[in-house]
Amino acid sequence: PDSYYPWMGTGYRVSLGDVANNLKLA
């Protein structure tokens, strides 16, 4: 849940974005 809007999820796009890009480049 989002810290400001707890009724809305935020997922893990921000947390995993850089890692996903690194794995793609590798």
PDB file of all heavy atoms in Angstrom:
ATOM      1  N   PRO A   1       0.811  -1.221   0.000  1.00  0.00           N
ATOM      2  CA  PRO A   1       0.000   0.000   0.000  1.00  0.00           C
ATOM      3  C   PRO A   1       0.845   1.273   0.000  1.00  0.00           C
ATOM      4  O   PRO A   1       1.921   1.333   0.607  1.00  0.00           O
ATOM      5  CB  PRO A   1      -0.809  -0.117   1.305  1.00  0.00           C
ATOM      6  CG  PRO A   1      -0.797  -1.571   1.630  1.00  0.00           C
ATOM      7  CD  PRO A   1       0.515  -2.092   1.145  1.00  0.00           C
ATOM      8  N   ASP A   2       0.318   2.280  -0.677  1.00  0.00           N
ATOM      9  CA  ASP A   2       0.977   3.580  -0.746  1.00  0.00           C
ATOM     10  C   ASP A   2       0.931   4.253   0.628  1.00  0.00           C
ATOM     11  O   ASP A   2      -0.053   4.126   1.370  1.00  0.00           O
ATOM     12  CB  ASP A   2       0.276   4.449  -1.789  1.00  0.00           C
ATOM     13  CG  ASP A   2       0.946   5.795  -1.959  1.00  0.00           C
ATOM     14  OD1 ASP A   2       1.942   5.860  -2.677  1.00  0.00           O
ATOM     15  OD2 ASP A   2       0.460   6.776  -1.361  1.00  0.00           O
ATOM     16  N   SER A   3       1.982   4.979   0.982  1.00  0.00           N
ATOM     17  CA  SER A   3       2.045   5.619   2.296  1.00  0.00           C
ATOM     18  C   SER A   3       1.063   6.777   2.427  1.00  0.00           C
ATOM     19  O   SER A   3       0.595   7.078   3.525  1.00  0.00           O
ATOM     20  CB  SER A   3       3.479   6.110   2.562  1.00  0.00           C
ATOM     21  OG  SER A   3       3.874   7.042   1.575  1.00  0.00           O
ATOM     22  N   TYR A   4       0.726   7.418   1.311  1.00  0.00           N
ATOM     23  CA  TYR A   4      -0.182   8.563   1.355  1.00  0.00           C
ATOM     24  C   TYR A   4      -1.622   8.134   1.076  1.00  0.00           C
ATOM     25  O   TYR A   4      -2.553   8.631   1.688  1.00  0.00           O
ATOM     26  CB  TYR A   4       0.251   9.612   0.336  1.00  0.00           C
ATOM     27  CG  TYR A   4      -0.409  10.958   0.528  1.00  0.00           C
ATOM     28  CD1 TYR A   4       0.023  11.822   1.536  1.00  0.00           C
ATOM     29  CD2 TYR A   4      -1.468  11.358  -0.279  1.00  0.00           C
ATOM     30  CE1 TYR A   4      -0.592  13.051   1.721  1.00  0.00           C
ATOM     31  CE2 TYR A   4      -2.079  12.589  -0.099  1.00  0.00           C
ATOM     32  CZ  TYR A   4      -1.638  13.433   0.902  1.00  0.00           C
ATOM     33  OH  TYR A   4      -2.251  14.650   1.088  1.00  0.00           O
ATOM     34  N   TYR A   5      -1.794   7.201   0.126  1.00  0.00           N
ATOM     35  CA  TYR A   5      -3.112   6.657  -0.187  1.00  0.00           C
ATOM     36  C   TYR A   5      -3.092   5.156   0.126  1.00  0.00           C
ATOM     37  O   TYR A   5      -2.789   4.346  -0.745  1.00  0.00           O
ATOM     38  CB  TYR A   5      -3.469   6.876  -1.659  1.00  0.00           C
ATOM     39  CG  TYR A   5      -3.551   8.320  -2.071  1.00  0.00           C
ATOM     40  CD1 TYR A   5      -2.678   8.840  -3.024  1.00  0.00           C
ATOM     41  CD2 TYR A   5      -4.504   9.161  -1.508  1.00  0.00           C
ATOM     42  CE1 TYR A   5      -2.756  10.165  -3.410  1.00  0.00           C
ATOM     43  CE2 TYR A   5      -4.587  10.496  -1.891  1.00  0.00           C
ATOM     44  CZ  TYR A   5      -3.707  10.987  -2.836  1.00  0.00           C
ATOM     45  OH  TYR A   5      -3.789  12.298  -3.211  1.00  0.00           O
ATOM     46  N   PRO A   6      -3.394   4.766   1.354  1.00  0.00           N
ATOM     47  CA  PRO A   6      -3.262   3.347   1.736  1.00  0.00           C
ATOM     48  C   PRO A   6      -4.213   2.417   1.007  1.00  0.00           C
ATOM     49  O   PRO A   6      -4.026   1.206   1.040  1.00  0.00           O
ATOM     50  CB  PRO A   6      -3.550   3.369   3.244  1.00  0.00           C
ATOM     51  CG  PRO A   6      -4.334   4.617   3.479  1.00  0.00           C
ATOM     52  CD  PRO A   6      -3.831   5.612   2.485  1.00  0.00           C
ATOM     53  N   TRP A   7      -5.229   2.964   0.352  1.00  0.00           N
ATOM     54  CA  TRP A   7      -6.160   2.134  -0.403  1.00  0.00           C
ATOM     55  C   TRP A   7      -5.616   1.784  -1.795  1.00  0.00           C
ATOM     56  O   TRP A   7      -6.237   1.013  -2.531  1.00  0.00           O
ATOM     57  CB  TRP A   7      -7.506   2.849  -0.559  1.00  0.00           C
ATOM     58  CG  TRP A   7      -7.410   4.332  -0.818  1.00  0.00           C
ATOM     59  CD1 TRP A   7      -7.541   5.331   0.110  1.00  0.00           C
ATOM     60  CD2 TRP A   7      -7.147   4.977  -2.071  1.00  0.00           C
ATOM     61  NE1 TRP A   7      -7.380   6.567  -0.487  1.00  0.00           N
ATOM     62  CE2 TRP A   7      -7.135   6.375  -1.832  1.00  0.00           C
ATOM     63  CE3 TRP A   7      -6.926   4.530  -3.359  1.00  0.00           C
ATOM     64  CZ2 TRP A   7      -6.917   7.308  -2.834  1.00  0.00           C
ATOM     65  CZ3 TRP A   7      -6.699   5.451  -4.373  1.00  0.00           C
ATOM     66  CH2 TRP A   7      -6.698   6.822  -4.098  1.00  0.00           C
ATOM     67  N   MET A   8      -4.467   2.316  -2.161  1.00  0.00           N
ATOM     68  CA  MET A   8      -3.885   2.070  -3.484  1.00  0.00           C
ATOM     69  C   MET A   8      -2.535   1.377  -3.344  1.00  0.00           C
ATOM     70  O   MET A   8      -1.698   1.778  -2.530  1.00  0.00           O
ATOM     71  CB  MET A   8      -3.724   3.379  -4.256  1.00  0.00           C
ATOM     72  CG  MET A   8      -3.179   3.195  -5.678  1.00  0.00           C
ATOM     73  SD  MET A   8      -3.199   4.738  -6.633  1.00  0.00           S
ATOM     74  CE  MET A   8      -2.012   5.710  -5.695  1.00  0.00           C
ATOM     75  N   GLY A   9      -2.323   0.332  -4.133  1.00  0.00           N
ATOM     76  CA  GLY A   9      -1.056  -0.380  -4.105  1.00  0.00           C
ATOM     77  C   GLY A   9      -0.004   0.310  -4.949  1.00  0.00           C
ATOM     78  O   GLY A   9      -0.316   1.081  -5.858  1.00  0.00           O
ATOM     79  N   THR A  10       1.247   0.019  -4.640  1.00  0.00           N
ATOM     80  CA  THR A  10       2.355   0.594  -5.409  1.00  0.00           C
ATOM     81  C   THR A  10       3.217  -0.471  -6.081  1.00  0.00           C
ATOM     82  O   THR A  10       4.027  -0.142  -6.949  1.00  0.00           O
ATOM     83  CB  THR A  10       3.260   1.447  -4.504  1.00  0.00           C
ATOM     84  OG1 THR A  10       3.795   0.624  -3.450  1.00  0.00           O
ATOM     85  CG2 THR A  10       2.469   2.587  -3.889  1.00  0.00           C
ATOM     86  N   GLY A  11       3.051  -1.742  -5.700  1.00  0.00           N
ATOM     87  CA  GLY A  11       3.825  -2.798  -6.332  1.00  0.00           C
ATOM     88  C   GLY A  11       5.320  -2.655  -6.075  1.00  0.00           C
ATOM     89  O   GLY A  11       5.756  -2.043  -5.094  1.00  0.00           O
ATOM     90  N   TYR A  12       6.107  -3.178  -6.992  1.00  0.00           N
ATOM     91  CA  TYR A  12       7.564  -3.167  -6.839  1.00  0.00           C
ATOM     92  C   TYR A  12       8.271  -2.661  -8.093  1.00  0.00           C
ATOM     93  O   TYR A  12       9.414  -2.999  -8.340  1.00  0.00           O
ATOM     94  CB  TYR A  12       8.065  -4.579  -6.504  1.00  0.00           C
ATOM     95  CG  TYR A  12       7.567  -5.083  -5.171  1.00  0.00           C
ATOM     96  CD1 TYR A  12       6.529  -6.009  -5.104  1.00  0.00           C
ATOM     97  CD2 TYR A  12       8.109  -4.619  -3.984  1.00  0.00           C
ATOM     98  CE1 TYR A  12       6.057  -6.468  -3.879  1.00  0.00           C
ATOM     99  CE2 TYR A  12       7.649  -5.070  -2.757  1.00  0.00           C
ATOM    100  CZ  TYR A  12       6.634  -5.991  -2.715  1.00  0.00           C
ATOM    101  OH  TYR A  12       6.167  -6.434  -1.498  1.00  0.00           O
ATOM    102  N   ARG A  13       7.574  -1.858  -8.886  1.00  0.00           N
ATOM    103  CA  ARG A  13       8.176  -1.364 -10.128  1.00  0.00           C
ATOM    104  C   ARG A  13       9.400  -0.506  -9.852  1.00  0.00           C
ATOM    105  O   ARG A  13      10.427  -0.617 -10.534  1.00  0.00           O
ATOM    106  CB  ARG A  13       7.138  -0.573 -10.931  1.00  0.00           C
ATOM    107  CG  ARG A  13       7.657  -0.044 -12.262  1.00  0.00           C
ATOM    108  CD  ARG A  13       6.547   0.632 -13.040  1.00  0.00           C
ATOM    109  NE  ARG A  13       5.503  -0.322 -13.377  1.00  0.00           N
ATOM    110  CZ  ARG A  13       4.341   0.030 -13.930  1.00  0.00           C
ATOM    111  NH1 ARG A  13       4.085   1.300 -14.178  1.00  0.00           N
ATOM    112  NH2 ARG A  13       3.443  -0.894 -14.228  1.00  0.00           N
ATOM    113  N   VAL A  14       9.328   0.347  -8.839  1.00  0.00           N
ATOM    114  CA  VAL A  14      10.461   1.220  -8.521  1.00  0.00           C
ATOM    115  C   VAL A  14      11.614   0.396  -7.955  1.00  0.00           C
ATOM    116  O   VAL A  14      12.775   0.579  -8.324  1.00  0.00           O
ATOM    117  CB  VAL A  14      10.029   2.312  -7.528  1.00  0.00           C
ATOM    118  CG1 VAL A  14      11.223   3.152  -7.109  1.00  0.00           C
ATOM    119  CG2 VAL A  14       8.955   3.199  -8.147  1.00  0.00           C
ATOM    120  N   SER A  15      11.293  -0.547  -7.050  1.00  0.00           N
ATOM    121  CA  SER A  15      12.336  -1.334  -6.397  1.00  0.00           C
ATOM    122  C   SER A  15      13.084  -2.230  -7.367  1.00  0.00           C
ATOM    123  O   SER A  15      14.294  -2.445  -7.229  1.00  0.00           O
ATOM    124  CB  SER A  15      11.716  -2.188  -5.281  1.00  0.00           C
ATOM    125  OG  SER A  15      11.025  -1.393  -4.351  1.00  0.00           O
ATOM    126  N   LEU A  16      12.363  -2.756  -8.362  1.00  0.00           N
ATOM    127  CA  LEU A  16      12.969  -3.737  -9.263  1.00  0.00           C
ATOM    128  C   LEU A  16      13.335  -3.159 -10.630  1.00  0.00           C
ATOM    129  O   LEU A  16      13.876  -3.889 -11.463  1.00  0.00           O
ATOM    130  CB  LEU A  16      12.008  -4.916  -9.460  1.00  0.00           C
ATOM    131  CG  LEU A  16      11.770  -5.802  -8.234  1.00  0.00           C
ATOM    132  CD1 LEU A  16      10.708  -6.852  -8.542  1.00  0.00           C
ATOM    133  CD2 LEU A  16      13.061  -6.476  -7.800  1.00  0.00           C
ATOM    134  N   GLY A  17      13.039  -1.894 -10.863  1.00  0.00           N
ATOM    135  CA  GLY A  17      13.285  -1.314 -12.181  1.00  0.00           C
ATOM    136  C   GLY A  17      14.738  -1.388 -12.606  1.00  0.00           C
ATOM    137  O   GLY A  17      15.064  -1.864 -13.707  1.00  0.00           O
ATOM    138  N   ASP A  18      15.646  -0.934 -11.749  1.00  0.00           N
ATOM    139  CA  ASP A  18      17.076  -0.940 -12.097  1.00  0.00           C
ATOM    140  C   ASP A  18      17.616  -2.357 -12.221  1.00  0.00           C
ATOM    141  O   ASP A  18      18.434  -2.651 -13.105  1.00  0.00           O
ATOM    142  CB  ASP A  18      17.877  -0.167 -11.043  1.00  0.00           C
ATOM    143  CG  ASP A  18      17.608   1.324 -11.092  1.00  0.00           C
ATOM    144  OD1 ASP A  18      17.125   1.803 -12.140  1.00  0.00           O
ATOM    145  OD2 ASP A  18      17.864   2.009 -10.078  1.00  0.00           O
ATOM    146  N   VAL A  19      17.162  -3.248 -11.340  1.00  0.00           N
ATOM    147  CA  VAL A  19      17.636  -4.630 -11.399  1.00  0.00           C
ATOM    148  C   VAL A  19      17.169  -5.290 -12.690  1.00  0.00           C
ATOM    149  O   VAL A  19      17.931  -6.027 -13.338  1.00  0.00           O
ATOM    150  CB  VAL A  19      17.133  -5.419 -10.177  1.00  0.00           C
ATOM    151  CG1 VAL A  19      17.612  -6.866 -10.235  1.00  0.00           C
ATOM    152  CG2 VAL A  19      17.599  -4.768  -8.889  1.00  0.00           C
ATOM    153  N   ALA A  20      15.928  -5.041 -13.086  1.00  0.00           N
ATOM    154  CA  ALA A  20      15.420  -5.612 -14.335  1.00  0.00           C
ATOM    155  C   ALA A  20      16.230  -5.120 -15.530  1.00  0.00           C
ATOM    156  O   ALA A  20      16.541  -5.889 -16.442  1.00  0.00           O
ATOM    157  CB  ALA A  20      13.946  -5.249 -14.511  1.00  0.00           C
ATOM    158  N   ASN A  21      16.598  -3.852 -15.507  1.00  0.00           N
ATOM    159  CA  ASN A  21      17.403  -3.311 -16.598  1.00  0.00           C
ATOM    160  C   ASN A  21      18.799  -3.937 -16.618  1.00  0.00           C
ATOM    161  O   ASN A  21      19.343  -4.259 -17.687  1.00  0.00           O
ATOM    162  CB  ASN A  21      17.507  -1.801 -16.464  1.00  0.00           C
ATOM    163  CG  ASN A  21      18.151  -1.139 -17.668  1.00  0.00           C
ATOM    164  OD1 ASN A  21      17.714  -1.340 -18.798  1.00  0.00           O
ATOM    165  ND2 ASN A  21      19.189  -0.358 -17.437  1.00  0.00           N
ATOM    166  N   ASN A  22      19.400  -4.140 -15.431  1.00  0.00           N
ATOM    167  CA  ASN A  22      20.714  -4.778 -15.356  1.00  0.00           C
ATOM    168  C   ASN A  22      20.684  -6.201 -15.912  1.00  0.00           C
ATOM    169  O   ASN A  22      21.578  -6.614 -16.650  1.00  0.00           O
ATOM    170  CB  ASN A  22      21.208  -4.801 -13.912  1.00  0.00           C
ATOM    171  CG  ASN A  22      21.535  -3.421 -13.384  1.00  0.00           C
ATOM    172  OD1 ASN A  22      21.707  -2.481 -14.161  1.00  0.00           O
ATOM    173  ND2 ASN A  22      21.598  -3.293 -12.074  1.00  0.00           N
ATOM    174  N   LEU A  23      19.650  -6.954 -15.549  1.00  0.00           N
ATOM    175  CA  LEU A  23      19.536  -8.321 -16.038  1.00  0.00           C
ATOM    176  C   LEU A  23      19.316  -8.352 -17.547  1.00  0.00           C
ATOM    177  O   LEU A  23      19.811  -9.243 -18.241  1.00  0.00           O
ATOM    178  CB  LEU A  23      18.398  -9.036 -15.311  1.00  0.00           C
ATOM    179  CG  LEU A  23      18.651  -9.362 -13.840  1.00  0.00           C
ATOM    180  CD1 LEU A  23      17.366  -9.832 -13.164  1.00  0.00           C
ATOM    181  CD2 LEU A  23      19.738 -10.422 -13.694  1.00  0.00           C
ATOM    182  N   LYS A  24      18.583  -7.383 -18.053  1.00  0.00           N
ATOM    183  CA  LYS A  24      18.363  -7.313 -19.499  1.00  0.00           C
ATOM    184  C   LYS A  24      19.667  -7.027 -20.230  1.00  0.00           C
ATOM    185  O   LYS A  24      19.976  -7.654 -21.258  1.00  0.00           O
ATOM    186  CB  LYS A  24      17.332  -6.229 -19.810  1.00  0.00           C
ATOM    187  CG  LYS A  24      17.035  -6.069 -21.295  1.00  0.00           C
ATOM    188  CD  LYS A  24      16.018  -4.972 -21.529  1.00  0.00           C
ATOM    189  CE  LYS A  24      15.742  -4.801 -23.022  1.00  0.00           C
ATOM    190  NZ  LYS A  24      14.740  -3.716 -23.270  1.00  0.00           N
ATOM    191  N   LEU A  25      20.451  -6.091 -19.707  1.00  0.00           N
ATOM    192  CA  LEU A  25      21.737  -5.771 -20.327  1.00  0.00           C
ATOM    193  C   LEU A  25      22.699  -6.953 -20.251  1.00  0.00           C
ATOM    194  O   LEU A  25      23.453  -7.222 -21.200  1.00  0.00           O
ATOM    195  CB  LEU A  25      22.351  -4.544 -19.646  1.00  0.00           C
ATOM    196  CG  LEU A  25      21.617  -3.211 -19.847  1.00  0.00           C
ATOM    197  CD1 LEU A  25      22.287  -2.108 -19.036  1.00  0.00           C
ATOM    198  CD2 LEU A  25      21.583  -2.835 -21.322  1.00  0.00           C
ATOM    199  N   ALA A  26      22.685  -7.664 -19.122  1.00  0.00           N
ATOM    200  CA  ALA A  26      23.558  -8.831 -18.986  1.00  0.00           C
ATOM    201  C   ALA A  26      23.184  -9.915 -19.983  1.00  0.00           C
ATOM    202  O   ALA A  26      24.061 -10.550 -20.591  1.00  0.00           O
ATOM    203  CB  ALA A  26      23.477  -9.375 -17.562  1.00  0.00           C
TER     204      ALA A  26
END
